[in-house]
């Protein structure tokens, strides 16, 4: 990824009239020297080098040798126009000794510093026939009307553009929402950044043109001209630029070349960060019995979830066992969710980590009050022995074994 203001392409022609890195800076709009760190970043992107490669380390050369990059300069030239270069990657390159070649680049500004003017027109849409491609959004029709021409949308973001490019755009859903105007969809103090995303034909759905009923949390957004970018179609989207929002408007702070767009699951309604709103729920139809292991000390559990077990486990020293009655759709089946979402390569989530930790079914904290504690057990004689002390699950979590709710409440009042 290149987030510099210069746009790079490579040429094999040596031009002695070009300025060298030691010359004075030329006027605005002229050819200017590049820093070596920018060249190394360009090489990393083009060669798909390891992420650990840093400026100043060895870079493979085209002839198979590996040399110090500070002793070699790639010769660069400006592209004919920003539109032709954006989204492309050049394979032509030449490395010359430093005394001969000069590093140059065009001062190209593919994105204006400020973006106050709205888009001129909306892209045409049509319902395409033929084989459908999986978009990953359950309530969306298999073949919704899509854009027939490339266009740019602005997507609100709670993180900086650089973090969104590296880690994914935070979203609770399996899609992004964008608009043609450079302003957030909703006013919020958390939305301090905008992402400009270029969408190729067939990559976006206009929300107001859908003939199906959209989810309740999107109902109030139908008629404001939003575009939906499904996670399964994000291979048709590229991140172009990032902006910081202020009272004066939006100011460009990052530019990107051929930067793919990904979604990082965050902020879902169920309260477990890293899992999308559309996670598979458990149990599906009616209440089910489940078990949970609670540390006797009342500490050590993750703050955003409780792992549920479908069968009674073997006793383990230092833990209590609680038998629960879980109502319909109050927990999340992470195994089935991972299977359902495995083909959505543009989605980044915690599913693999939860599976590796043995958290096949997890209960969000917001569901604790809806779950009934039926029995409490402690290890005894190689098995589990039931003990009195059944209480609301939220009270048992975070309370040491043997402490009554009254004692816990009085301790809290004394602390106040």
Protein backbone atom coordinates (compact mmCIF):
# COMPACT_ATOMS: atom_id res chain seq x y z
CA UNK A 1 0.00 0.00 0.00
CA UNK A 2 1.17 3.51 -0.82
CA UNK A 3 -0.34 6.28 1.23
CA UNK A 4 1.99 9.03 0.05
CA UNK A 5 0.95 11.97 -2.12
CA UNK A 6 3.19 10.78 -4.94
CA UNK A 7 1.94 8.15 -7.39
CA UNK A 8 4.57 5.78 -8.74
CA UNK A 9 5.24 4.00 -12.02
CA UNK A 10 8.52 2.71 -13.40
CA UNK A 11 10.45 3.48 -16.54
CA UNK A 12 13.68 2.18 -17.99
CA UNK A 13 14.72 5.44 -19.66
CA UNK A 14 17.61 7.41 -18.14
CA UNK A 15 17.09 11.16 -18.37
CA UNK A 16 20.04 13.26 -17.20
CA UNK A 17 17.91 16.39 -17.09
CA UNK A 18 15.78 15.11 -14.22
CA UNK A 19 16.54 16.56 -10.78
CA UNK A 20 18.57 14.45 -8.38
CA UNK A 21 17.79 13.92 -4.69
CA UNK A 22 20.49 16.49 -3.83
CA UNK A 23 18.96 19.28 -5.93
CA UNK A 24 16.82 22.03 -4.49
CA UNK A 25 13.09 21.30 -4.36
CA UNK A 26 11.42 22.28 -7.65
CA UNK A 27 8.29 24.34 -7.96
CA UNK A 28 4.86 22.88 -7.22
CA UNK A 29 3.68 20.59 -9.98
CA UNK A 30 7.21 19.76 -11.16
CA UNK A 31 9.08 16.48 -10.74
CA UNK A 32 10.35 16.09 -7.18
CA UNK A 33 12.61 13.56 -5.43
CA UNK A 34 11.12 10.74 -3.41
CA UNK A 35 12.27 9.63 0.01
CA UNK A 36 13.83 6.18 0.10
CA UNK A 37 11.19 5.00 2.55
CA UNK A 38 8.51 5.71 -0.07
CA UNK A 39 10.40 3.67 -2.67
CA UNK A 40 10.77 0.73 -0.31
CA UNK A 41 7.05 0.89 0.51
CA UNK A 42 6.27 0.82 -3.20
CA UNK A 43 8.51 -2.20 -3.67
CA UNK A 44 6.89 -3.98 -0.75
CA UNK A 45 3.45 -3.51 -2.27
CA UNK A 46 4.50 -4.49 -5.78
CA UNK A 47 6.50 -7.55 -4.78
CA UNK A 48 4.16 -8.60 -1.95
CA UNK A 49 7.16 -8.75 0.37
CA UNK A 50 6.91 -9.84 3.99
CA UNK A 51 5.19 -7.45 6.38
CA UNK A 52 8.38 -7.28 8.44
CA UNK A 53 10.27 -5.64 5.58
CA UNK A 54 11.13 -2.11 6.65
CA UNK A 55 12.85 0.82 4.98
CA UNK A 56 16.59 0.28 4.90
CA UNK A 57 16.47 -3.51 4.57
CA UNK A 58 17.60 -5.51 1.55
CA UNK A 59 15.27 -5.58 -1.46
CA UNK A 60 15.45 -8.31 -4.17
CA UNK A 61 16.57 -6.93 -7.51
CA UNK A 62 15.19 -8.06 -10.91
CA UNK A 63 18.37 -9.93 -11.84
CA UNK A 64 18.12 -12.13 -8.76
CA UNK A 65 20.68 -10.30 -6.64
CA UNK A 66 19.88 -8.79 -3.28
CA UNK A 67 21.54 -5.49 -2.45
CA UNK A 68 21.27 -2.58 -0.07
CA UNK A 69 18.40 -0.35 -1.33
CA UNK A 70 20.33 2.76 -0.39
CA UNK A 71 22.87 1.86 -3.09
CA UNK A 72 20.23 1.50 -5.79
CA UNK A 73 17.60 3.86 -7.13
CA UNK A 74 14.55 2.81 -9.18
CA UNK A 75 13.86 5.26 -12.00
CA UNK A 76 10.30 6.51 -11.92
CA UNK A 77 8.12 8.62 -14.16
CA UNK A 78 4.65 10.09 -13.82
CA UNK A 79 1.63 8.28 -15.18
CA UNK A 80 -0.29 9.93 -18.04
CA UNK A 81 -3.21 10.68 -15.75
CA UNK A 82 -4.41 9.76 -12.26
CA UNK A 83 -7.49 7.99 -13.63
CA UNK A 84 -5.37 5.59 -15.66
CA UNK A 85 -3.07 4.84 -12.77
CA UNK A 86 -5.49 4.38 -9.89
CA UNK A 87 -6.28 0.71 -9.39
CA UNK A 88 -3.37 -0.43 -11.58
CA UNK A 89 -0.02 -1.89 -10.68
CA UNK A 90 2.98 -1.55 -12.98
CA UNK A 91 5.31 -4.51 -13.58
CA UNK A 92 7.90 -2.51 -15.55
CA UNK A 93 10.85 -1.42 -13.46
CA UNK A 94 14.57 -0.78 -13.73
CA UNK A 95 17.23 -0.47 -11.05
CA UNK A 96 20.26 1.69 -11.71
CA UNK A 97 23.25 2.68 -9.54
CA UNK A 98 22.61 5.81 -7.51
CA UNK A 99 25.10 8.09 -9.32
CA UNK A 100 23.35 7.48 -12.66
CA UNK A 101 19.63 7.41 -11.97
CA UNK A 102 17.36 9.91 -10.26
CA UNK A 103 14.30 9.14 -8.19
CA UNK A 104 11.39 11.19 -9.47
CA UNK A 105 7.63 11.22 -9.21
CA UNK A 106 4.79 13.40 -10.34
CA UNK A 107 3.01 15.58 -7.84
CA UNK A 108 -0.40 14.06 -8.54
CA UNK A 109 -3.41 14.93 -6.42
CA UNK A 110 -6.05 12.32 -7.36
CA UNK A 111 -8.27 13.46 -4.47
CA UNK A 112 -8.93 17.12 -3.60
CA UNK A 113 -7.80 18.36 -0.19
CA UNK A 114 -11.38 19.38 0.67
CA UNK A 115 -14.61 17.85 -0.61
CA UNK A 116 -17.59 20.09 -0.09
CA UNK A 117 -19.38 19.64 -3.42
CA UNK A 118 -21.77 16.64 -3.78
CA UNK A 119 -21.56 14.20 -6.67
CA UNK A 120 -23.06 15.33 -9.96
CA UNK A 121 -25.30 12.34 -10.60
CA UNK A 122 -26.23 8.90 -9.39
CA UNK A 123 -24.86 5.84 -11.20
CA UNK A 124 -27.22 3.81 -13.36
CA UNK A 125 -28.46 0.50 -11.92
CA UNK A 126 -29.96 -2.66 -13.33
CA UNK A 127 -30.88 -6.16 -12.25
CA UNK A 128 -28.33 -8.44 -13.88
CA UNK A 129 -29.19 -11.90 -15.15
CA UNK A 130 -26.91 -14.91 -15.11
CA UNK A 131 -25.20 -16.75 -12.31
CA UNK A 132 -25.57 -15.06 -8.95
CA UNK A 133 -22.56 -14.39 -6.75
CA UNK A 134 -22.75 -14.74 -2.96
CA UNK A 135 -23.00 -11.31 -1.37
CA UNK A 136 -23.25 -12.62 2.20
CA UNK A 137 -26.29 -10.58 3.29
CA UNK A 138 -29.18 -12.87 4.26
CA UNK A 139 -32.06 -10.42 3.73
CA UNK A 140 -30.77 -9.14 0.37
CA UNK A 141 -32.29 -10.75 -2.78
CA UNK A 142 -29.96 -13.13 -4.68
CA UNK A 143 -29.86 -10.76 -7.68
CA UNK A 144 -30.53 -7.21 -6.48
CA UNK A 145 -30.25 -4.20 -8.82
CA UNK A 146 -26.59 -3.12 -8.94
CA UNK A 147 -24.58 -0.23 -10.38
CA UNK A 148 -23.62 -0.56 -14.04
CA UNK A 149 -20.78 1.96 -13.92
CA UNK A 150 -17.92 2.73 -11.58
CA UNK A 151 -18.50 5.47 -9.00
CA UNK A 152 -17.22 6.70 -5.64
CA UNK A 153 -19.01 6.58 -2.30
CA UNK A 154 -18.10 8.02 1.10
CA UNK A 155 -18.27 5.68 4.07
CA UNK A 156 -18.27 6.88 7.68
CA UNK A 157 -15.55 5.39 9.87
CA UNK A 158 -14.81 5.42 13.60
CA UNK A 159 -11.08 4.74 13.12
CA UNK A 160 -8.40 6.57 11.19
CA UNK A 161 -8.19 5.77 7.46
CA UNK A 162 -4.82 4.07 7.93
CA UNK A 163 -6.20 1.71 10.60
CA UNK A 164 -9.25 1.02 8.43
CA UNK A 165 -6.93 0.07 5.56
CA UNK A 166 -4.73 -2.15 7.73
CA UNK A 167 -7.30 -3.81 10.02
CA UNK A 168 -10.59 -3.41 8.17
CA UNK A 169 -13.45 -0.91 8.28
CA UNK A 170 -15.34 -1.38 11.58
CA UNK A 171 -18.92 -2.49 10.98
CA UNK A 172 -21.47 -4.50 12.97
CA UNK A 173 -23.04 -5.78 9.74
CA UNK A 174 -21.89 -7.80 6.73
CA UNK A 175 -21.94 -4.70 4.56
CA UNK A 176 -20.87 -1.07 4.44
CA UNK A 177 -23.18 1.88 3.82
CA UNK A 178 -22.00 4.81 1.73
CA UNK A 179 -23.38 7.94 0.16
CA UNK A 180 -22.40 10.15 -2.75
CA UNK A 181 -22.04 13.23 -0.56
CA UNK A 182 -18.91 13.64 1.53
CA UNK A 183 -20.59 13.63 4.92
CA UNK A 184 -21.51 11.02 7.54
CA UNK A 185 -24.76 9.07 7.30
CA UNK A 186 -25.65 10.02 10.86
CA UNK A 187 -24.30 12.72 13.13
CA UNK A 188 -22.16 11.21 15.87
CA UNK A 189 -19.13 12.27 17.86
CA UNK A 190 -17.57 8.85 17.15
CA UNK A 191 -17.69 9.34 13.37
CA UNK A 192 -14.66 11.54 12.81
CA UNK A 193 -13.42 10.08 9.54
CA UNK A 194 -14.65 9.41 6.01
CA UNK A 195 -13.38 6.84 3.52
CA UNK A 196 -13.66 7.40 -0.21
CA UNK A 197 -14.25 4.04 -1.90
CA UNK A 198 -14.32 3.42 -5.63
CA UNK A 199 -16.87 0.76 -6.57
CA UNK A 200 -16.61 -1.10 -9.88
CA UNK A 201 -19.76 -2.15 -11.79
CA UNK A 202 -21.78 -4.77 -9.93
CA UNK A 203 -20.38 -3.94 -6.49
CA UNK A 204 -23.10 -1.81 -4.87
CA UNK A 205 -26.85 -1.85 -4.28
CA UNK A 206 -28.93 1.32 -3.91
CA UNK A 207 -30.85 0.88 -0.68
CA UNK A 208 -33.89 2.82 -1.86
CA UNK A 209 -34.37 0.59 -4.94
CA UNK A 210 -34.86 -2.65 -3.01
CA UNK A 211 -38.25 -4.33 -3.20
CA UNK A 212 -37.71 -6.32 0.02
CA UNK A 213 -38.20 -5.16 3.58
CA UNK A 214 -34.89 -4.08 5.08
CA UNK A 215 -34.00 -4.76 8.74
CA UNK A 216 -35.53 -2.42 11.34
CA UNK A 217 -32.26 -0.63 12.11
CA UNK A 218 -32.06 0.47 8.44
CA UNK A 219 -35.67 1.55 7.92
CA UNK A 220 -34.98 5.22 8.62
CA UNK A 221 -32.13 5.25 6.07
CA UNK A 222 -34.01 3.97 3.02
CA UNK A 223 -34.85 7.30 1.40
CA UNK A 224 -31.64 9.29 1.85
CA UNK A 225 -29.82 7.82 -1.16
CA UNK A 226 -27.51 5.27 0.45
CA UNK A 227 -25.56 2.52 -1.27
CA UNK A 228 -24.96 -0.87 0.29
CA UNK A 229 -21.61 -2.61 -0.31
CA UNK A 230 -22.00 -6.32 0.63
CA UNK A 231 -18.96 -8.02 2.14
CA UNK A 232 -19.08 -10.72 -0.54
CA UNK A 233 -18.66 -8.11 -3.29
CA UNK A 234 -15.87 -6.04 -1.74
CA UNK A 235 -13.44 -7.45 -4.31
CA UNK A 236 -15.07 -4.84 -6.59
CA UNK A 237 -14.15 -1.98 -4.24
CA UNK A 238 -10.89 -0.14 -3.65
CA UNK A 239 -10.02 2.40 -0.98
CA UNK A 240 -9.04 5.67 -2.66
CA UNK A 241 -8.64 8.21 0.14
CA UNK A 242 -9.34 9.00 3.78
CA UNK A 243 -10.59 12.23 5.36
CA UNK A 244 -10.77 13.77 8.80
CA UNK A 245 -14.01 15.53 9.71
CA UNK A 246 -14.12 18.87 11.47
CA UNK A 247 -16.43 21.87 11.74
CA UNK A 248 -14.80 23.25 8.59
CA UNK A 249 -15.62 20.10 6.58
CA UNK A 250 -13.66 17.07 5.40
CA UNK A 251 -9.90 17.27 4.84
CA UNK A 252 -7.94 14.61 2.97
CA UNK A 253 -5.29 12.96 5.17
CA UNK A 254 -4.52 9.71 3.33
CA UNK A 255 -4.39 8.52 -0.29
CA UNK A 256 -4.23 4.89 -1.33
CA UNK A 257 -3.27 2.98 -4.46
CA UNK A 258 -4.98 -0.36 -5.20
CA UNK A 259 -5.95 -0.81 -1.52
CA UNK A 260 -8.55 -3.54 -1.06
CA UNK A 261 -11.44 -2.96 1.32
CA UNK A 262 -12.20 -5.33 4.20
CA UNK A 263 -14.71 -5.28 7.07
CA UNK A 264 -13.74 -5.80 10.71
CA UNK A 265 -16.68 -6.98 12.81
CA UNK A 266 -17.22 -4.46 15.59
CA UNK A 267 -20.09 -2.87 17.50
CA UNK A 268 -22.72 -5.59 17.00
CA UNK A 269 -25.96 -5.33 18.96
CA UNK A 270 -25.32 -8.57 20.87
CA UNK A 271 -22.28 -6.98 22.56
CA UNK A 272 -19.49 -9.42 21.63
CA UNK A 273 -16.84 -7.49 19.74
CA UNK A 274 -15.44 -9.28 16.71
CA UNK A 275 -18.68 -11.06 15.79
CA UNK A 276 -21.23 -9.64 13.32
CA UNK A 277 -24.89 -8.94 13.97
CA UNK A 278 -25.78 -11.88 11.70
CA UNK A 279 -24.01 -14.49 13.84
CA UNK A 280 -25.87 -17.81 14.07
CA UNK A 281 -27.95 -17.91 17.25
CA UNK A 282 -28.43 -20.82 19.67
CA UNK A 283 -30.72 -22.50 20.53
CA UNK A 284 -32.76 -22.17 17.37
CA UNK A 285 -36.31 -23.10 18.42
CA UNK A 286 -36.79 -23.50 22.16
CA UNK A 287 -34.90 -23.28 25.43
CA UNK A 288 -31.99 -25.67 25.98
CA UNK A 289 -29.89 -26.84 28.90
CA UNK A 290 -26.29 -25.69 29.03
CA UNK A 291 -23.41 -25.50 31.49
CA UNK A 292 -20.79 -22.90 32.33
CA UNK A 293 -17.57 -23.05 34.36
CA UNK A 294 -17.08 -20.16 36.79
CA UNK A 295 -13.80 -19.54 38.65
CA UNK A 296 -14.18 -19.87 42.42
CA UNK A 297 -12.34 -16.57 42.86
CA UNK A 298 -14.99 -14.72 40.85
CA UNK A 299 -12.36 -13.33 38.45
CA UNK A 300 -10.71 -14.41 35.22
CA UNK A 301 -13.71 -14.53 32.88
CA UNK A 302 -13.78 -12.45 29.67
CA UNK A 303 -15.84 -9.31 30.11
CA UNK A 304 -17.77 -9.67 26.84
CA UNK A 305 -18.87 -13.30 26.88
CA UNK A 306 -19.46 -16.53 28.81
CA UNK A 307 -18.56 -19.84 27.17
CA UNK A 308 -21.39 -22.39 27.31
CA UNK A 309 -21.02 -26.17 27.27
CA UNK A 310 -23.74 -28.43 25.94
CA UNK A 311 -22.69 -31.37 28.16
CA UNK A 312 -21.59 -31.57 31.77
CA UNK A 313 -17.76 -31.42 31.80
CA UNK A 314 -15.31 -33.24 34.02
CA UNK A 315 -14.64 -31.61 37.41
CA UNK A 316 -11.81 -29.10 37.51
CA UNK A 317 -10.20 -27.77 40.65
CA UNK A 318 -10.79 -24.09 41.26
CA UNK A 319 -14.05 -23.92 39.33
CA UNK A 320 -17.78 -24.05 40.02
CA UNK A 321 -20.23 -25.46 37.52
CA UNK A 322 -23.61 -23.85 36.88
CA UNK A 323 -26.47 -25.50 35.01
CA UNK A 324 -28.41 -22.99 32.92
CA UNK A 325 -31.70 -22.81 31.08
CA UNK A 326 -30.99 -20.79 27.93
CA UNK A 327 -33.98 -19.26 26.09
CA UNK A 328 -34.30 -19.34 22.32
CA UNK A 329 -31.64 -17.39 20.33
CA UNK A 330 -29.95 -15.91 23.39
CA UNK A 331 -26.51 -17.42 22.72
CA UNK A 332 -24.25 -17.50 19.65
CA UNK A 333 -22.99 -20.63 17.92
CA UNK A 334 -19.50 -19.61 16.81
CA UNK A 335 -18.79 -22.90 15.01
CA UNK A 336 -21.83 -22.66 12.75
CA UNK A 337 -21.21 -18.94 12.25
CA UNK A 338 -17.67 -19.62 11.05
CA UNK A 339 -18.95 -22.25 8.62
CA UNK A 340 -21.63 -19.89 7.29
CA UNK A 341 -19.14 -17.05 6.74
CA UNK A 342 -16.06 -19.01 5.64
CA UNK A 343 -16.28 -17.88 2.00
CA UNK A 344 -16.46 -14.19 2.86
CA UNK A 345 -12.75 -13.49 2.58
CA UNK A 346 -13.18 -9.73 3.06
CA UNK A 347 -14.52 -10.24 6.60
CA UNK A 348 -12.21 -10.10 9.62
CA UNK A 349 -13.60 -11.49 12.85
CA UNK A 350 -12.71 -13.32 16.07
CA UNK A 351 -14.38 -16.56 15.03
CA UNK A 352 -11.18 -18.52 14.46
CA UNK A 353 -9.76 -17.40 17.80
CA UNK A 354 -12.92 -18.33 19.70
CA UNK A 355 -12.99 -21.75 18.07
CA UNK A 356 -9.33 -22.33 18.98
CA UNK A 357 -10.13 -21.37 22.59
CA UNK A 358 -12.93 -23.95 22.73
CA UNK A 359 -15.70 -21.32 22.81
CA UNK A 360 -18.14 -23.13 20.52
CA UNK A 361 -21.19 -21.44 22.06
CA UNK A 362 -20.95 -18.06 23.80
CA UNK A 363 -23.46 -16.05 25.81
CA UNK A 364 -23.37 -12.24 25.49
CA UNK A 365 -23.59 -10.22 28.75
CA UNK A 366 -26.85 -8.60 27.66
CA UNK A 367 -28.45 -12.08 27.81
CA UNK A 368 -27.31 -12.90 31.36
CA UNK A 369 -30.54 -11.64 32.93
CA UNK A 370 -32.62 -13.80 30.55
CA UNK A 371 -30.84 -17.03 31.50
CA UNK A 372 -32.07 -19.05 34.46
CA UNK A 373 -29.57 -20.68 36.85
CA UNK A 374 -30.98 -24.10 37.75
CA UNK A 375 -28.15 -25.62 39.83
CA UNK A 376 -24.67 -24.84 41.15
CA UNK A 377 -22.03 -27.55 41.59
CA UNK A 378 -18.58 -27.78 43.17
CA UNK A 379 -15.92 -30.49 42.66
CA UNK A 380 -16.12 -33.29 45.23
CA UNK A 381 -14.92 -36.88 45.27
CA UNK A 382 -14.03 -36.99 41.59
CA UNK A 383 -17.40 -35.61 40.54
CA UNK A 384 -19.70 -32.63 40.89
CA UNK A 385 -21.65 -32.05 44.10
CA UNK A 386 -24.71 -29.74 44.06
CA UNK A 387 -24.65 -26.92 46.58
CA UNK A 388 -27.18 -24.27 47.58
CA UNK A 389 -26.61 -20.81 46.25
CA UNK A 390 -28.51 -20.58 42.96
CA UNK A 391 -28.75 -16.91 42.08
CA UNK A 392 -29.02 -14.75 38.97
CA UNK A 393 -26.16 -15.46 36.60
CA UNK A 394 -24.92 -11.88 36.67
CA UNK A 395 -24.56 -12.18 40.47
CA UNK A 396 -22.66 -15.46 40.31
CA UNK A 397 -20.21 -14.08 37.74
CA UNK A 398 -17.74 -11.92 39.58
CA UNK A 399 -18.66 -13.23 43.07
CA UNK A 400 -16.28 -15.59 44.88
CA UNK A 401 -17.58 -19.04 45.78
CA UNK A 402 -19.27 -19.21 49.18
CA UNK A 403 -20.11 -15.48 49.30
CA UNK A 404 -23.79 -14.72 49.56
CA UNK A 405 -25.48 -12.00 47.53
CA UNK A 406 -26.24 -10.08 50.74
CA UNK A 407 -22.58 -10.08 51.75
CA UNK A 408 -21.58 -8.93 48.30
CA UNK A 409 -24.12 -6.09 48.39
CA UNK A 410 -23.05 -4.92 51.83
CA UNK A 411 -19.40 -4.92 50.78
CA UNK A 412 -20.32 -2.77 47.82
CA UNK A 413 -22.22 -0.31 50.06
CA UNK A 414 -19.28 -0.02 52.46
CA UNK A 415 -17.02 0.74 49.49
CA UNK A 416 -19.37 3.52 48.44
